[in-house]
Amino acid sequence: MDSKKPDDANPFADVTAGQSSTAPSADTQADGTADRTYTVVSGDSLSKIAKHAYGDGSRWREIFEANRDVLTDPDKIFPGQTLRLP
């Protein structure tokens, strides 16, 4: 009997059909690049998200511009919103 041990280097080794994983989400764009997504939590701001994602809070405008379809004011984001991180 061949007993296989899960591959510790593979984060999806223990995920079976019908289950979900905690892998980051990515949306593929028409040009083949992928945007990550981020779900807003209480206390977040675009500059805090940019600092976390890019190491530079001044890059908040990039996040705002990538999400103009759901954001009209960069100061009004809400917990639970999913934002694209270009």
N, C-alpha and C. Protein backbone atom coordinates (compact mmCIF):
# COMPACT_ATOMS: atom_id res chain seq x y z
N MET A 1 0.85 -1.17 0.00
CA MET A 1 0.00 0.00 0.00
C MET A 1 0.89 1.24 0.00
N ASP A 2 0.66 2.16 -0.93
CA ASP A 2 1.47 3.36 -1.07
C ASP A 2 0.80 4.49 -0.31
N SER A 3 1.35 4.87 0.83
CA SER A 3 0.80 5.94 1.64
C SER A 3 1.59 7.21 1.37
N LYS A 4 0.92 8.24 0.84
CA LYS A 4 1.60 9.49 0.53
C LYS A 4 1.37 10.49 1.64
N LYS A 5 2.41 11.18 1.99
CA LYS A 5 2.36 12.22 3.00
C LYS A 5 2.15 13.56 2.27
N PRO A 6 1.30 14.46 2.81
CA PRO A 6 1.12 15.76 2.15
C PRO A 6 2.44 16.49 1.99
N ASP A 7 2.58 17.17 0.88
CA ASP A 7 3.78 17.94 0.59
C ASP A 7 3.75 19.23 1.41
N ASP A 8 4.66 19.36 2.39
CA ASP A 8 4.68 20.53 3.26
C ASP A 8 4.96 21.83 2.50
N ALA A 9 5.59 21.74 1.34
CA ALA A 9 5.90 22.94 0.56
C ALA A 9 4.71 23.41 -0.26
N ASN A 10 3.70 22.57 -0.41
CA ASN A 10 2.54 22.90 -1.21
C ASN A 10 1.40 23.33 -0.29
N PRO A 11 1.02 24.63 -0.29
CA PRO A 11 -0.05 25.10 0.61
C PRO A 11 -1.42 24.52 0.27
N PHE A 12 -1.57 23.92 -0.90
CA PHE A 12 -2.85 23.37 -1.31
C PHE A 12 -2.92 21.86 -1.12
N ALA A 13 -1.89 21.25 -0.53
CA ALA A 13 -1.81 19.80 -0.41
C ALA A 13 -2.98 19.21 0.35
N ASP A 14 -3.49 19.91 1.35
CA ASP A 14 -4.58 19.38 2.15
C ASP A 14 -5.95 19.86 1.69
N VAL A 15 -6.03 20.62 0.60
CA VAL A 15 -7.30 21.10 0.10
C VAL A 15 -7.88 20.07 -0.85
N THR A 16 -9.10 19.64 -0.57
CA THR A 16 -9.76 18.68 -1.43
C THR A 16 -10.93 19.35 -2.13
N ALA A 17 -11.51 18.68 -3.08
CA ALA A 17 -12.64 19.24 -3.83
C ALA A 17 -13.73 19.68 -2.86
N GLY A 18 -14.26 20.87 -3.10
CA GLY A 18 -15.33 21.40 -2.28
C GLY A 18 -14.85 22.25 -1.12
N GLN A 19 -13.55 22.27 -0.87
CA GLN A 19 -13.01 23.09 0.19
C GLN A 19 -12.40 24.35 -0.41
N SER A 20 -12.17 25.34 0.45
CA SER A 20 -11.50 26.54 -0.02
C SER A 20 -10.14 26.64 0.66
N SER A 21 -9.31 27.49 0.11
CA SER A 21 -7.99 27.71 0.70
C SER A 21 -7.88 29.16 1.10
N THR A 22 -6.80 29.52 1.75
CA THR A 22 -6.57 30.90 2.13
C THR A 22 -5.60 31.58 1.17
N ALA A 23 -5.48 31.06 -0.02
CA ALA A 23 -4.59 31.65 -1.02
C ALA A 23 -5.11 33.02 -1.41
N PRO A 24 -4.20 33.98 -1.67
CA PRO A 24 -4.63 35.31 -2.08
C PRO A 24 -5.38 35.24 -3.40
N SER A 25 -6.32 36.12 -3.54
CA SER A 25 -7.12 36.16 -4.76
C SER A 25 -6.43 37.03 -5.80
N ALA A 26 -6.57 36.68 -7.06
CA ALA A 26 -6.01 37.49 -8.14
C ALA A 26 -6.97 37.47 -9.31
N ASP A 27 -7.15 38.63 -9.93
CA ASP A 27 -7.99 38.76 -11.12
C ASP A 27 -7.07 38.99 -12.30
N THR A 28 -7.22 38.19 -13.35
CA THR A 28 -6.38 38.35 -14.53
C THR A 28 -6.98 39.41 -15.43
N GLN A 29 -6.16 40.36 -15.84
CA GLN A 29 -6.59 41.46 -16.70
C GLN A 29 -6.44 41.06 -18.16
N ALA A 30 -6.99 41.85 -19.05
CA ALA A 30 -6.93 41.58 -20.48
C ALA A 30 -5.48 41.54 -20.98
N ASP A 31 -4.59 42.32 -20.35
CA ASP A 31 -3.19 42.34 -20.79
C ASP A 31 -2.36 41.21 -20.17
N GLY A 32 -3.01 40.31 -19.43
CA GLY A 32 -2.32 39.16 -18.86
C GLY A 32 -1.75 39.40 -17.48
N THR A 33 -1.79 40.65 -16.98
CA THR A 33 -1.31 40.92 -15.64
C THR A 33 -2.39 40.55 -14.63
N ALA A 34 -2.01 40.37 -13.40
CA ALA A 34 -2.97 40.00 -12.37
C ALA A 34 -2.99 41.04 -11.27
N ASP A 35 -4.18 41.42 -10.84
CA ASP A 35 -4.36 42.29 -9.69
C ASP A 35 -4.67 41.41 -8.49
N ARG A 36 -4.09 41.74 -7.36
CA ARG A 36 -4.48 41.08 -6.12
C ARG A 36 -5.71 41.79 -5.60
N THR A 37 -6.40 41.18 -4.67
CA THR A 37 -7.52 41.83 -4.04
C THR A 37 -7.28 41.93 -2.55
N TYR A 38 -7.94 42.89 -1.93
CA TYR A 38 -7.81 43.13 -0.49
C TYR A 38 -9.20 43.42 0.04
N THR A 39 -9.56 42.81 1.15
CA THR A 39 -10.83 43.08 1.80
C THR A 39 -10.58 44.05 2.94
N VAL A 40 -11.28 45.18 2.89
CA VAL A 40 -11.12 46.25 3.86
C VAL A 40 -11.59 45.78 5.24
N VAL A 41 -10.82 46.13 6.27
CA VAL A 41 -11.20 45.87 7.65
C VAL A 41 -11.33 47.19 8.39
N SER A 42 -11.99 47.17 9.53
CA SER A 42 -12.20 48.36 10.33
C SER A 42 -10.87 49.03 10.64
N GLY A 43 -10.82 50.36 10.47
CA GLY A 43 -9.61 51.12 10.73
C GLY A 43 -8.72 51.31 9.53
N ASP A 44 -9.04 50.66 8.41
CA ASP A 44 -8.23 50.80 7.20
C ASP A 44 -8.43 52.15 6.54
N SER A 45 -7.43 52.58 5.81
CA SER A 45 -7.50 53.72 4.90
C SER A 45 -6.71 53.28 3.67
N LEU A 46 -6.89 54.00 2.58
CA LEU A 46 -6.14 53.63 1.37
C LEU A 46 -4.64 53.75 1.61
N SER A 47 -4.22 54.73 2.40
CA SER A 47 -2.78 54.86 2.65
C SER A 47 -2.26 53.72 3.53
N LYS A 48 -3.05 53.25 4.48
CA LYS A 48 -2.64 52.10 5.29
C LYS A 48 -2.54 50.84 4.43
N ILE A 49 -3.51 50.68 3.54
CA ILE A 49 -3.49 49.52 2.64
C ILE A 49 -2.28 49.59 1.72
N ALA A 50 -1.99 50.79 1.18
CA ALA A 50 -0.82 50.96 0.30
C ALA A 50 0.47 50.70 1.06
N LYS A 51 0.55 51.13 2.30
CA LYS A 51 1.75 50.89 3.12
C LYS A 51 1.94 49.39 3.31
N HIS A 52 0.86 48.67 3.60
CA HIS A 52 0.93 47.23 3.79
C HIS A 52 1.26 46.50 2.49
N ALA A 53 0.61 46.89 1.41
CA ALA A 53 0.76 46.19 0.13
C ALA A 53 2.06 46.52 -0.59
N TYR A 54 2.46 47.79 -0.55
CA TYR A 54 3.60 48.25 -1.34
C TYR A 54 4.77 48.77 -0.51
N GLY A 55 4.56 48.93 0.80
CA GLY A 55 5.60 49.50 1.65
C GLY A 55 5.69 51.00 1.54
N ASP A 56 4.68 51.63 0.91
CA ASP A 56 4.70 53.08 0.68
C ASP A 56 3.27 53.60 0.69
N GLY A 57 2.89 54.24 1.79
CA GLY A 57 1.53 54.76 1.94
C GLY A 57 1.15 55.82 0.93
N SER A 58 2.15 56.49 0.34
CA SER A 58 1.84 57.54 -0.63
C SER A 58 1.32 56.97 -1.96
N ARG A 59 1.36 55.65 -2.11
CA ARG A 59 0.85 55.02 -3.34
C ARG A 59 -0.65 54.73 -3.28
N TRP A 60 -1.37 55.34 -2.32
CA TRP A 60 -2.80 55.12 -2.17
C TRP A 60 -3.58 55.49 -3.43
N ARG A 61 -3.10 56.48 -4.19
CA ARG A 61 -3.81 56.91 -5.40
C ARG A 61 -3.91 55.77 -6.43
N GLU A 62 -2.90 54.91 -6.48
CA GLU A 62 -2.94 53.77 -7.41
C GLU A 62 -4.11 52.85 -7.07
N ILE A 63 -4.32 52.63 -5.79
CA ILE A 63 -5.44 51.78 -5.35
C ILE A 63 -6.76 52.48 -5.67
N PHE A 64 -6.83 53.78 -5.38
CA PHE A 64 -8.04 54.54 -5.67
C PHE A 64 -8.38 54.50 -7.16
N GLU A 65 -7.41 54.75 -8.01
CA GLU A 65 -7.65 54.75 -9.46
C GLU A 65 -8.06 53.37 -9.96
N ALA A 66 -7.51 52.33 -9.40
CA ALA A 66 -7.85 50.96 -9.83
C ALA A 66 -9.26 50.56 -9.38
N ASN A 67 -9.83 51.33 -8.47
CA ASN A 67 -11.14 50.99 -7.92
C ASN A 67 -12.17 52.09 -8.13
N ARG A 68 -11.97 52.93 -9.15
CA ARG A 68 -12.91 54.03 -9.41
C ARG A 68 -14.32 53.54 -9.70
N ASP A 69 -14.45 52.28 -10.12
CA ASP A 69 -15.78 51.75 -10.38
C ASP A 69 -16.57 51.51 -9.08
N VAL A 70 -15.90 51.42 -7.94
CA VAL A 70 -16.59 51.20 -6.66
C VAL A 70 -16.31 52.30 -5.64
N LEU A 71 -15.34 53.16 -5.90
CA LEU A 71 -15.01 54.25 -4.99
C LEU A 71 -15.20 55.59 -5.67
N THR A 72 -15.89 56.50 -4.98
CA THR A 72 -16.03 57.86 -5.50
C THR A 72 -15.25 58.85 -4.65
N ASP A 73 -14.91 58.45 -3.42
CA ASP A 73 -14.17 59.30 -2.49
C ASP A 73 -13.11 58.43 -1.82
N PRO A 74 -11.83 58.80 -1.91
CA PRO A 74 -10.79 57.97 -1.32
C PRO A 74 -10.86 57.88 0.20
N ASP A 75 -11.61 58.77 0.83
CA ASP A 75 -11.75 58.74 2.28
C ASP A 75 -12.94 57.90 2.74
N LYS A 76 -13.68 57.34 1.79
CA LYS A 76 -14.87 56.57 2.16
C LYS A 76 -14.74 55.13 1.68
N ILE A 77 -14.06 54.34 2.49
CA ILE A 77 -14.00 52.90 2.26
C ILE A 77 -14.63 52.24 3.49
N PHE A 78 -15.16 51.04 3.31
CA PHE A 78 -15.92 50.41 4.37
C PHE A 78 -15.49 48.97 4.59
N PRO A 79 -15.51 48.52 5.85
CA PRO A 79 -15.18 47.12 6.13
C PRO A 79 -16.03 46.19 5.28
N GLY A 80 -15.38 45.19 4.72
CA GLY A 80 -16.07 44.22 3.86
C GLY A 80 -15.91 44.51 2.38
N GLN A 81 -15.55 45.73 2.01
CA GLN A 81 -15.33 46.04 0.59
C GLN A 81 -14.11 45.28 0.09
N THR A 82 -14.20 44.81 -1.15
CA THR A 82 -13.06 44.16 -1.77
C THR A 82 -12.48 45.12 -2.79
N LEU A 83 -11.20 45.42 -2.63
CA LEU A 83 -10.53 46.37 -3.52
C LEU A 83 -9.45 45.64 -4.32
N ARG A 84 -9.26 46.09 -5.55
CA ARG A 84 -8.17 45.57 -6.38
C ARG A 84 -6.88 46.30 -6.01
N LEU A 85 -5.80 45.53 -5.92
CA LEU A 85 -4.48 46.12 -5.69
C LEU A 85 -3.65 45.89 -6.94
N PRO A 86 -3.48 46.95 -7.74
CA PRO A 86 -2.75 46.78 -9.01
C PRO A 86 -1.27 46.48 -8.79
